[in-house]
PDB file of N, CA and C in Angstrom:
ATOM      1  N   ARG A   1      95.272 103.914  90.609  1.00  0.00           N
ATOM      2  CA  ARG A   1      94.711 103.136  92.051  1.00  0.00           C
ATOM      3  C   ARG A   1      93.531 102.147  91.284  1.00  0.00           C
ATOM      4  N   LYS A   2      93.803 100.864  91.475  1.00  0.00           N
ATOM      5  CA  LYS A   2      92.776  99.740  90.590  1.00  0.00           C
ATOM      6  C   LYS A   2      92.269  99.602  91.478  1.00  0.00           C
ATOM      7  N   GLU A   3      90.755  99.143  91.106  1.00  0.00           N
ATOM      8  CA  GLU A   3      89.839  98.769  92.597  1.00  0.00           C
ATOM      9  C   GLU A   3      90.014  97.331  92.442  1.00  0.00           C
ATOM     10  N   ALA A   4      89.763  96.237  93.754  1.00  0.00           N
ATOM     11  CA  ALA A   4      90.097  95.145  94.173  1.00  0.00           C
ATOM     12  C   ALA A   4      89.172  94.580  93.400  1.00  0.00           C
ATOM     13  N   ARG A   5      89.422  93.052  92.616  1.00  0.00           N
ATOM     14  CA  ARG A   5      88.083  92.134  92.637  1.00  0.00           C
ATOM     15  C   ARG A   5      87.308  91.427  93.261  1.00  0.00           C
ATOM     16  N   VAL A   6      86.285  91.418  93.459  1.00  0.00           N
ATOM     17  CA  VAL A   6      85.921  90.632  94.804  1.00  0.00           C
ATOM     18  C   VAL A   6      84.884  89.839  94.094  1.00  0.00           C
ATOM     19  N   ILE A   7      85.040  88.430  94.791  1.00  0.00           N
ATOM     20  CA  ILE A   7      84.048  87.373  94.586  1.00  0.00           C
ATOM     21  C   ILE A   7      83.440  86.741  95.949  1.00  0.00           C
ATOM     22  N   ARG A   8      82.133  86.974  95.893  1.00  0.00           N
ATOM     23  CA  ARG A   8      81.279  86.252  96.562  1.00  0.00           C
ATOM     24  C   ARG A   8      81.341  85.451  96.958  1.00  0.00           C
ATOM     25  N   VAL A   9      81.520  84.170  98.006  1.00  0.00           N
ATOM     26  CA  VAL A   9      81.565  82.792  97.921  1.00  0.00           C
ATOM     27  C   VAL A   9      80.438  82.420  99.091  1.00  0.00           C
ATOM     28  N   PRO A  10      79.340  81.468  98.888  1.00  0.00           N
ATOM     29  CA  PRO A  10      78.929  81.233 100.105  1.00  0.00           C
ATOM     30  C   PRO A  10      79.647  80.473 101.373  1.00  0.00           C
ATOM     31  N   PRO A  11      78.895  80.930 102.528  1.00  0.00           N
ATOM     32  CA  PRO A  11      79.567  80.497 103.501  1.00  0.00           C
ATOM     33  C   PRO A  11      79.946  79.055 103.870  1.00  0.00           C
ATOM     34  N   ALA A  12      78.703  78.010 103.174  1.00  0.00           N
ATOM     35  CA  ALA A  12      78.880  76.467 103.444  1.00  0.00           C
ATOM     36  C   ALA A  12      80.125  76.265 102.001  1.00  0.00           C
ATOM     37  N   LEU A  13      80.329  76.964 101.361  1.00  0.00           N
ATOM     38  CA  LEU A  13      81.384  76.343 100.552  1.00  0.00           C
ATOM     39  C   LEU A  13      82.512  76.910 101.154  1.00  0.00           C
ATOM     40  N   MET A  14      82.832  77.410 101.650  1.00  0.00           N
ATOM     41  CA  MET A  14      83.847  78.078 102.175  1.00  0.00           C
ATOM     42  C   MET A  14      84.503  76.962 102.863  1.00  0.00           C
ATOM     43  N   GLN A  15      82.944  76.881 104.219  1.00  0.00           N
ATOM     44  CA  GLN A  15      83.464  75.333 105.456  1.00  0.00           C
ATOM     45  C   GLN A  15      83.990  74.089 104.741  1.00  0.00           C
ATOM     46  N   SER A  16      83.022  73.751 103.757  1.00  0.00           N
ATOM     47  CA  SER A  16      83.422  72.172 102.940  1.00  0.00           C
ATOM     48  C   SER A  16      85.213  72.402 102.356  1.00  0.00           C
ATOM     49  N   MET A  17      85.601  74.028 101.826  1.00  0.00           N
ATOM     50  CA  MET A  17      87.155  73.663 101.352  1.00  0.00           C
ATOM     51  C   MET A  17      87.427  73.721 102.715  1.00  0.00           C
ATOM     52  N   GLN A  18      87.711  74.707 103.830  1.00  0.00           N
ATOM     53  CA  GLN A  18      88.393  74.643 105.261  1.00  0.00           C
ATOM     54  C   GLN A  18      88.442  73.174 105.669  1.00  0.00           C
ATOM     55  N   GLY A  19      87.035  72.118 105.464  1.00  0.00           N
ATOM     56  CA  GLY A  19      87.168  71.356 106.250  1.00  0.00           C
ATOM     57  C   GLY A  19      88.361  69.953 105.430  1.00  0.00           C
ATOM     58  N   LEU A  20      87.860  70.516 103.782  1.00  0.00           N
ATOM     59  CA  LEU A  20      89.254  69.241 102.744  1.00  0.00           C
ATOM     60  C   LEU A  20      90.373  69.684 103.152  1.00  0.00           C
ATOM     61  N   VAL A  21      90.767  70.760 103.215  1.00  0.00           N
ATOM     62  CA  VAL A  21      92.000  71.348 102.782  1.00  0.00           C
ATOM     63  C   VAL A  21      93.263  70.396 104.216  1.00  0.00           C
ATOM     64  N   SER A  22      92.199  71.041 105.238  1.00  0.00           N
ATOM     65  CA  SER A  22      92.386  70.956 106.781  1.00  0.00           C
ATOM     66  C   SER A  22      92.586  68.925 106.945  1.00  0.00           C
ATOM     67  N   PHE A  23      92.350  68.342 106.060  1.00  0.00           N
ATOM     68  CA  PHE A  23      92.660  66.879 106.540  1.00  0.00           C
ATOM     69  C   PHE A  23      94.004  66.445 105.665  1.00  0.00           C
ATOM     70  N   PHE A  24      94.843  67.485 105.181  1.00  0.00           N
ATOM     71  CA  PHE A  24      95.936  67.725 104.494  1.00  0.00           C
ATOM     72  C   PHE A  24      97.060  67.998 105.353  1.00  0.00           C
ATOM     73  N   GLU A  25      98.004  67.419 105.725  1.00  0.00           N
ATOM     74  CA  GLU A  25      98.867  68.068 106.414  1.00  0.00           C
ATOM     75  C   GLU A  25      99.653  69.700 105.441  1.00  0.00           C
ATOM     76  N   PRO A  26      99.683  69.689 104.727  1.00  0.00           N
ATOM     77  CA  PRO A  26     100.320  71.134 103.820  1.00  0.00           C
ATOM     78  C   PRO A  26      98.998  72.110 103.695  1.00  0.00           C
ATOM     79  N   GLY A  27      98.009  71.259 103.769  1.00  0.00           N
ATOM     80  CA  GLY A  27      96.715  72.357 103.540  1.00  0.00           C
ATOM     81  C   GLY A  27      95.915  73.091 104.969  1.00  0.00           C
ATOM     82  N   VAL A  28      96.700  72.967 105.774  1.00  0.00           N
ATOM     83  CA  VAL A  28      96.224  73.361 107.857  1.00  0.00           C
ATOM     84  C   VAL A  28      96.079  75.071 107.390  1.00  0.00           C
ATOM     85  N   ASN A  29      97.952  75.642 106.642  1.00  0.00           N
ATOM     86  CA  ASN A  29      97.684  76.584 106.312  1.00  0.00           C
ATOM     87  C   ASN A  29      96.454  77.277 105.749  1.00  0.00           C
ATOM     88  N   ILE A  30      96.345  77.081 104.761  1.00  0.00           N
ATOM     89  CA  ILE A  30      95.036  77.098 103.963  1.00  0.00           C
ATOM     90  C   ILE A  30      93.882  77.247 104.741  1.00  0.00           C
ATOM     91  N   ALA A  31      93.646  76.202 105.278  1.00  0.00           N
ATOM     92  CA  ALA A  31      92.297  75.844 105.990  1.00  0.00           C
ATOM     93  C   ALA A  31      92.125  77.054 107.667  1.00  0.00           C
ATOM     94  N   GLU A  32      93.778  77.341 107.884  1.00  0.00           N
ATOM     95  CA  GLU A  32      93.552  78.678 108.954  1.00  0.00           C
ATOM     96  C   GLU A  32      92.679  79.802 108.243  1.00  0.00           C
ATOM     97  N   ARG A  33      93.858  80.097 107.498  1.00  0.00           N
ATOM     98  CA  ARG A  33      92.927  81.171 106.802  1.00  0.00           C
ATOM     99  C   ARG A  33      91.714  81.047 105.920  1.00  0.00           C
ATOM    100  N   LEU A  34      91.521  80.157 105.954  1.00  0.00           N
ATOM    101  CA  LEU A  34      89.316  80.243 105.416  1.00  0.00           C
ATOM    102  C   LEU A  34      88.488  80.168 106.546  1.00  0.00           C
ATOM    103  N   ALA A  35      89.261  79.946 107.555  1.00  0.00           N
ATOM    104  CA  ALA A  35      88.450  80.074 109.064  1.00  0.00           C
ATOM    105  C   ALA A  35      88.612  81.652 109.219  1.00  0.00           C
ATOM    106  N   PHE A  36      89.377  82.430 109.029  1.00  0.00           N
ATOM    107  CA  PHE A  36      89.963  84.479 109.186  1.00  0.00           C
ATOM    108  C   PHE A  36      88.693  84.422 107.827  1.00  0.00           C
ATOM    109  N   ALA A  37      88.300  84.121 106.717  1.00  0.00           N
ATOM    110  CA  ALA A  37      87.013  84.551 106.072  1.00  0.00           C
ATOM    111  C   ALA A  37      85.425  84.294 106.823  1.00  0.00           C
ATOM    112  N   GLU A  38      85.428  83.933 108.181  1.00  0.00           N
ATOM    113  CA  GLU A  38      83.922  83.863 108.494  1.00  0.00           C
ATOM    114  C   GLU A  38      84.210  85.227 109.140  1.00  0.00           C
ATOM    115  N   VAL A  39      85.423  85.311 110.115  1.00  0.00           N
ATOM    116  CA  VAL A  39      85.358  86.777 110.542  1.00  0.00           C
ATOM    117  C   VAL A  39      84.822  87.872 109.868  1.00  0.00           C
ATOM    118  N   THR A  40      86.332  87.704 108.597  1.00  0.00           N
ATOM    119  CA  THR A  40      85.548  88.861 107.735  1.00  0.00           C
ATOM    120  C   THR A  40      84.753  88.719 106.780  1.00  0.00           C
ATOM    121  N   GLY A  41      84.258  87.964 106.005  1.00  0.00           N
ATOM    122  CA  GLY A  41      82.861  88.033 105.736  1.00  0.00           C
ATOM    123  C   GLY A  41      81.573  87.675 106.300  1.00  0.00           C
ATOM    124  N   GLY A  42      81.355  88.085 107.482  1.00  0.00           N
ATOM    125  CA  GLY A  42      80.303  87.372 107.649  1.00  0.00           C
ATOM    126  C   GLY A  42      79.387  88.276 107.937  1.00  0.00           C
ATOM    127  N   GLY A  43      79.162  89.460 107.403  1.00  0.00           N
ATOM    128  CA  GLY A  43      78.247  90.017 107.087  1.00  0.00           C
ATOM    129  C   GLY A  43      77.670  91.080 108.103  1.00  0.00           C
ATOM    130  N   VAL A  44      78.506  90.952 108.960  1.00  0.00           N
ATOM    131  CA  VAL A  44      78.643  91.622 110.425  1.00  0.00           C
ATOM    132  C   VAL A  44      79.606  93.507 110.355  1.00  0.00           C
ATOM    133  N   SER A  45      79.636  94.293 110.114  1.00  0.00           N
ATOM    134  CA  SER A  45      80.007  95.256 109.875  1.00  0.00           C
ATOM    135  C   SER A  45      80.871  95.606 110.991  1.00  0.00           C
ATOM    136  N   LEU A  46      82.079  95.868 110.425  1.00  0.00           N
ATOM    137  CA  LEU A  46      83.111  95.876 111.398  1.00  0.00           C
ATOM    138  C   LEU A  46      84.110  96.925 111.775  1.00  0.00           C
ATOM    139  N   ASN A  47      83.281  98.121 111.833  1.00  0.00           N
ATOM    140  CA  ASN A  47      83.403  99.137 111.583  1.00  0.00           C
ATOM    141  C   ASN A  47      82.617 100.043 113.056  1.00  0.00           C
ATOM    142  N   ALA A  48      83.534 100.732 114.033  1.00  0.00           N
ATOM    143  CA  ALA A  48      83.573 100.651 115.257  1.00  0.00           C
ATOM    144  C   ALA A  48      83.539 102.297 116.154  1.00  0.00           C
ATOM    145  N   PRO A  49      82.726 102.829 116.378  1.00  0.00           N
ATOM    146  CA  PRO A  49      83.904 104.304 116.678  1.00  0.00           C
ATOM    147  C   PRO A  49      85.279 103.915 117.322  1.00  0.00           C
ATOM    148  N   MET A  50      86.306 104.429 117.417  1.00  0.00           N
ATOM    149  CA  MET A  50      87.393 104.386 118.501  1.00  0.00           C
ATOM    150  C   MET A  50      87.721 104.990 119.353  1.00  0.00           C
ATOM    151  N   GLU A  51      86.922 106.336 119.699  1.00  0.00           N
ATOM    152  CA  GLU A  51      86.926 107.114 120.663  1.00  0.00           C
ATOM    153  C   GLU A  51      87.497 107.211 122.149  1.00  0.00           C
ATOM    154  N   GLU A  52      86.750 105.551 122.445  1.00  0.00           N
ATOM    155  CA  GLU A  52      86.450 104.875 123.829  1.00  0.00           C
ATOM    156  C   GLU A  52      87.625 104.359 123.776  1.00  0.00           C
ATOM    157  N   SER A  53      87.723 103.511 122.485  1.00  0.00           N
ATOM    158  CA  SER A  53      89.194 102.547 122.141  1.00  0.00           C
ATOM    159  C   SER A  53      90.656 103.100 122.671  1.00  0.00           C
ATOM    160  N   TYR A  54      90.723 104.723 122.236  1.00  0.00           N
ATOM    161  CA  TYR A  54      91.611 105.737 122.545  1.00  0.00           C
ATOM    162  C   TYR A  54      91.635 106.452 123.496  1.00  0.00           C
ATOM    163  N   GLU A  55      90.802 106.492 124.517  1.00  0.00           N
ATOM    164  CA  GLU A  55      91.018 106.940 125.872  1.00  0.00           C
ATOM    165  C   GLU A  55      90.861 105.698 127.416  1.00  0.00           C
ATOM    166  N   ALA A  56      90.664 104.234 126.984  1.00  0.00           N
ATOM    167  CA  ALA A  56      91.023 103.989 127.548  1.00  0.00           C
ATOM    168  C   ALA A  56      92.261 103.130 127.292  1.00  0.00           C
ATOM    169  N   PHE A  57      93.306 103.038 126.195  1.00  0.00           N
ATOM    170  CA  PHE A  57      94.633 103.197 126.346  1.00  0.00           C
ATOM    171  C   PHE A  57      95.217 104.309 126.597  1.00  0.00           C
ATOM    172  N   GLY A  58      95.014 105.213 126.423  1.00  0.00           N
ATOM    173  CA  GLY A  58      95.830 106.525 126.827  1.00  0.00           C
ATOM    174  C   GLY A  58      96.775 106.615 124.917  1.00  0.00           C
ATOM    175  N   LEU A  59      95.640 106.920 124.178  1.00  0.00           N
ATOM    176  CA  LEU A  59      96.226 106.865 123.013  1.00  0.00           C
ATOM    177  C   LEU A  59      96.008 107.961 122.244  1.00  0.00           C
ATOM    178  N   ASP A  60      96.928 108.795 121.494  1.00  0.00           N
ATOM    179  CA  ASP A  60      96.979 109.941 120.684  1.00  0.00           C
ATOM    180  C   ASP A  60      96.305 109.382 119.154  1.00  0.00           C
ATOM    181  N   PRO A  61      94.882 109.823 119.137  1.00  0.00           N
ATOM    182  CA  PRO A  61      94.201 109.739 117.589  1.00  0.00           C
ATOM    183  C   PRO A  61      95.044 109.845 116.462  1.00  0.00           C
ATOM    184  N   ALA A  62      95.576 111.251 116.240  1.00  0.00           N
ATOM    185  CA  ALA A  62      96.866 111.777 115.431  1.00  0.00           C
ATOM    186  C   ALA A  62      97.970 111.114 115.548  1.00  0.00           C
ATOM    187  N   GLU A  63      98.284 110.305 116.262  1.00  0.00           N
ATOM    188  CA  GLU A  63      99.752 109.291 116.427  1.00  0.00           C
ATOM    189  C   GLU A  63      99.735 107.801 115.890  1.00  0.00           C
ATOM    190  N   THR A  64      97.676 107.925 115.192  1.00  0.00           N
ATOM    191  CA  THR A  64      97.650 105.932 114.947  1.00  0.00           C
ATOM    192  C   THR A  64      97.573 106.203 113.911  1.00  0.00           C
ATOM    193  N   THR A  65      98.531 105.696 113.170  1.00  0.00           N
ATOM    194  CA  THR A  65      98.311 105.047 111.512  1.00  0.00           C
ATOM    195  C   THR A  65      96.784 104.150 111.287  1.00  0.00           C
ATOM    196  N   SER A  66      96.085 104.720 110.322  1.00  0.00           N
ATOM    197  CA  SER A  66      95.035 103.896 109.464  1.00  0.00           C
ATOM    198  C   SER A  66      95.792 102.597 109.200  1.00  0.00           C
ATOM    199  N   LEU A  67      94.807 101.531 109.045  1.00  0.00           N
ATOM    200  CA  LEU A  67      94.829 100.321 108.444  1.00  0.00           C
ATOM    201  C   LEU A  67      95.143 100.485 107.196  1.00  0.00           C
ATOM    202  N   GLU A  68      94.537 101.286 106.346  1.00  0.00           N
ATOM    203  CA  GLU A  68      94.423 101.983 105.002  1.00  0.00           C
ATOM    204  C   GLU A  68      96.139 102.100 104.893  1.00  0.00           C
ATOM    205  N   GLY A  69      96.827 103.062 105.238  1.00  0.00           N
ATOM    206  CA  GLY A  69      98.323 103.800 105.652  1.00  0.00           C
ATOM    207  C   GLY A  69      99.073 103.014 105.565  1.00  0.00           C
ATOM    208  N   TYR A  70      98.791 101.747 107.017  1.00  0.00           N
ATOM    209  CA  TYR A  70      99.522 101.010 107.301  1.00  0.00           C
ATOM    210  C   TYR A  70     100.204 100.045 106.318  1.00  0.00           C
ATOM    211  N   LEU A  71      98.689  99.526 105.532  1.00  0.00           N
ATOM    212  CA  LEU A  71      99.315  98.397 104.704  1.00  0.00           C
ATOM    213  C   LEU A  71      99.871  99.340 103.365  1.00  0.00           C
ATOM    214  N   GLU A  72      99.569 100.110 102.743  1.00  0.00           N
ATOM    215  CA  GLU A  72     100.200 101.076 101.548  1.00  0.00           C
ATOM    216  C   GLU A  72     101.681 100.664 101.968  1.00  0.00           C
ATOM    217  N   GLU A  73     102.241 101.158 102.939  1.00  0.00           N
ATOM    218  CA  GLU A  73     103.256 101.121 103.802  1.00  0.00           C
ATOM    219  C   GLU A  73     104.272  99.971 103.797  1.00  0.00           C
ATOM    220  N   TYR A  74     103.602  98.925 104.491  1.00  0.00           N
ATOM    221  CA  TYR A  74     103.711  97.371 104.109  1.00  0.00           C
ATOM    222  C   TYR A  74     104.046  97.061 102.945  1.00  0.00           C
ATOM    223  N   PHE A  75     103.270  97.009 102.279  1.00  0.00           N
ATOM    224  CA  PHE A  75     103.302  96.882 100.741  1.00  0.00           C
ATOM    225  C   PHE A  75     104.367  97.205  99.723  1.00  0.00           C
ATOM    226  N   SER A  76     104.530  98.559  99.949  1.00  0.00           N
ATOM    227  CA  SER A  76     105.960  99.567  99.164  1.00  0.00           C
ATOM    228  C   SER A  76     106.551  98.715  99.686  1.00  0.00           C
ATOM    229  N   SER A  77     106.968  98.983 100.904  1.00  0.00           N
ATOM    230  CA  SER A  77     108.348  98.578 101.380  1.00  0.00           C
ATOM    231  C   SER A  77     108.731  96.569 101.226  1.00  0.00           C
ATOM    232  N   ILE A  78     107.362  96.282 100.870  1.00  0.00           N
ATOM    233  CA  ILE A  78     107.191  94.776  99.987  1.00  0.00           C
ATOM    234  C   ILE A  78     108.069  94.632  98.978  1.00  0.00           C
ATOM    235  N   LEU A  79     107.289  95.380  97.838  1.00  0.00           N
ATOM    236  CA  LEU A  79     107.466  96.298  96.656  1.00  0.00           C
ATOM    237  C   LEU A  79     108.938  96.187  96.418  1.00  0.00           C
ATOM    238  N   LYS A  80     109.520  97.524  97.372  1.00  0.00           N
ATOM    239  CA  LYS A  80     110.696  97.754  96.763  1.00  0.00           C
ATOM    240  C   LYS A  80     112.221  96.568  97.617  1.00  0.00           C
ATOM    241  N   ARG A  81     111.501  96.073  98.026  1.00  0.00           N
ATOM    242  CA  ARG A  81     112.400  94.542  98.410  1.00  0.00           C
ATOM    243  C   ARG A  81     112.155  93.658  97.204  1.00  0.00           C
ATOM    244  N   LEU A  82     111.215  93.513  96.509  1.00  0.00           N
ATOM    245  CA  LEU A  82     110.890  93.382  95.581  1.00  0.00           C
ATOM    246  C   LEU A  82     112.062  93.125  94.285  1.00  0.00           C
ATOM    247  N   ARG A  83     111.908  94.546  94.351  1.00  0.00           N
ATOM    248  CA  ARG A  83     112.424  95.180  93.119  1.00  0.00           C
ATOM    249  C   ARG A  83     113.884  95.305  93.804  1.00  0.00           C
ATOM    250  N   GLU A  84     114.751  95.292  94.577  1.00  0.00           N
ATOM    251  CA  GLU A  84     116.218  94.940  94.957  1.00  0.00           C
ATOM    252  C   GLU A  84     116.792  93.494  94.595  1.00  0.00           C
ATOM    253  N   MET A  85     115.368  92.436  95.431  1.00  0.00           N
ATOM    254  CA  MET A  85     116.174  91.256  95.015  1.00  0.00           C
ATOM    255  C   MET A  85     116.255  91.390  93.460  1.00  0.00           C
ATOM    256  N   GLU A  86     114.963  91.313  92.406  1.00  0.00           N
ATOM    257  CA  GLU A  86     115.208  91.351  90.982  1.00  0.00           C
ATOM    258  C   GLU A  86     116.177  92.276  90.453  1.00  0.00           C
ATOM    259  N   ALA A  87     116.706  93.065  91.196  1.00  0.00           N
ATOM    260  CA  ALA A  87     117.889  93.792  90.793  1.00  0.00           C
ATOM    261  C   ALA A  87     119.194  92.889  91.171  1.00  0.00           C
ATOM    262  N   ASP A  88     119.346  92.363  92.220  1.00  0.00           N
ATOM    263  CA  ASP A  88     120.336  91.578  92.810  1.00  0.00           C
ATOM    264  C   ASP A  88     120.678  90.002  91.826  1.00  0.00           C
ATOM    265  N   LEU A  89     119.149  89.367  91.546  1.00  0.00           N
ATOM    266  CA  LEU A  89     118.975  88.471  90.281  1.00  0.00           C
ATOM    267  C   LEU A  89     119.933  88.919  89.175  1.00  0.00           C
ATOM    268  N   ASP A  90     119.531  90.042  88.689  1.00  0.00           N
ATOM    269  CA  ASP A  90     119.909  90.375  86.939  1.00  0.00           C
ATOM    270  C   ASP A  90     121.582  89.971  87.113  1.00  0.00           C
ATOM    271  N   LYS A  91     122.049  90.691  88.270  1.00  0.00           N
ATOM    272  CA  LYS A  91     123.561  90.975  88.435  1.00  0.00           C
ATOM    273  C   LYS A  91     124.321  89.034  88.272  1.00  0.00           C
ATOM    274  N   ASP A  92     123.793  88.619  89.213  1.00  0.00           N
ATOM    275  CA  ASP A  92     123.634  86.966  89.527  1.00  0.00           C
ATOM    276  C   ASP A  92     123.848  86.344  88.022  1.00  0.00           C
ATOM    277  N   ALA A  93     122.859  86.618  87.305  1.00  0.00           N
ATOM    278  CA  ALA A  93     123.004  86.202  86.208  1.00  0.00           C
ATOM    279  C   ALA A  93     123.750  86.496  84.901  1.00  0.00           C
ATOM    280  N   LYS A  94     124.033  87.322  85.101  1.00  0.00           N
ATOM    281  CA  LYS A  94     124.481  88.473  84.059  1.00  0.00           C
ATOM    282  C   LYS A  94     126.458  87.868  84.204  1.00  0.00           C
ATOM    283  N   LYS A  95     126.552  87.605  85.627  1.00  0.00           N
ATOM    284  CA  LYS A  95     127.582  87.293  85.480  1.00  0.00           C
ATOM    285  C   LYS A  95     127.769  85.507  85.177  1.00  0.00           C
ATOM    286  N   LYS A  96     126.632  85.132  85.129  1.00  0.00           N
ATOM    287  CA  LYS A  96     127.005  83.491  84.921  1.00  0.00           C
ATOM    288  C   LYS A  96     127.045  83.188  83.134  1.00  0.00           C
ATOM    289  N   LEU A  97     127.004  84.788  82.445  1.00  0.00           N
ATOM    290  CA  LEU A  97     127.262  84.665  81.156  1.00  0.00           C
ATOM    291  C   LEU A  97     128.882  84.008  80.524  1.00  0.00           C
ATOM    292  N   PRO A  98     128.713  83.408  80.002  1.00  0.00           N
ATOM    293  CA  PRO A  98     130.197  82.998  79.444  1.00  0.00           C
ATOM    294  C   PRO A  98     130.669  84.171  78.705  1.00  0.00           C
ATOM    295  N   PHE A  99     130.216  85.500  78.240  1.00  0.00           N
ATOM    296  CA  PHE A  99     131.343  86.228  77.388  1.00  0.00           C
ATOM    297  C   PHE A  99     130.623  87.849  78.277  1.00  0.00           C
TER     298      PHE A  99
END
């Protein structure tokens, strides 16, 4: 398992970049993602006890997937699909060979 490389960027720079890219239509999606950085990078801890939430919604904590587990499953399925697509591309490329 590799450690993620994290780059700290001042909030003012993020806001100015958000304003700049939102000016252009193709950059609206990027601007929305930069706006999300305000939530995740605000310096406020996003950890909270979940027992109250489980009780309020009638959920069993044992049946709940952790975020880490969910992301691991999600990205492994994406990687599997990409490998399948690459294999399909290899087959198509071989069909185009003149011999």
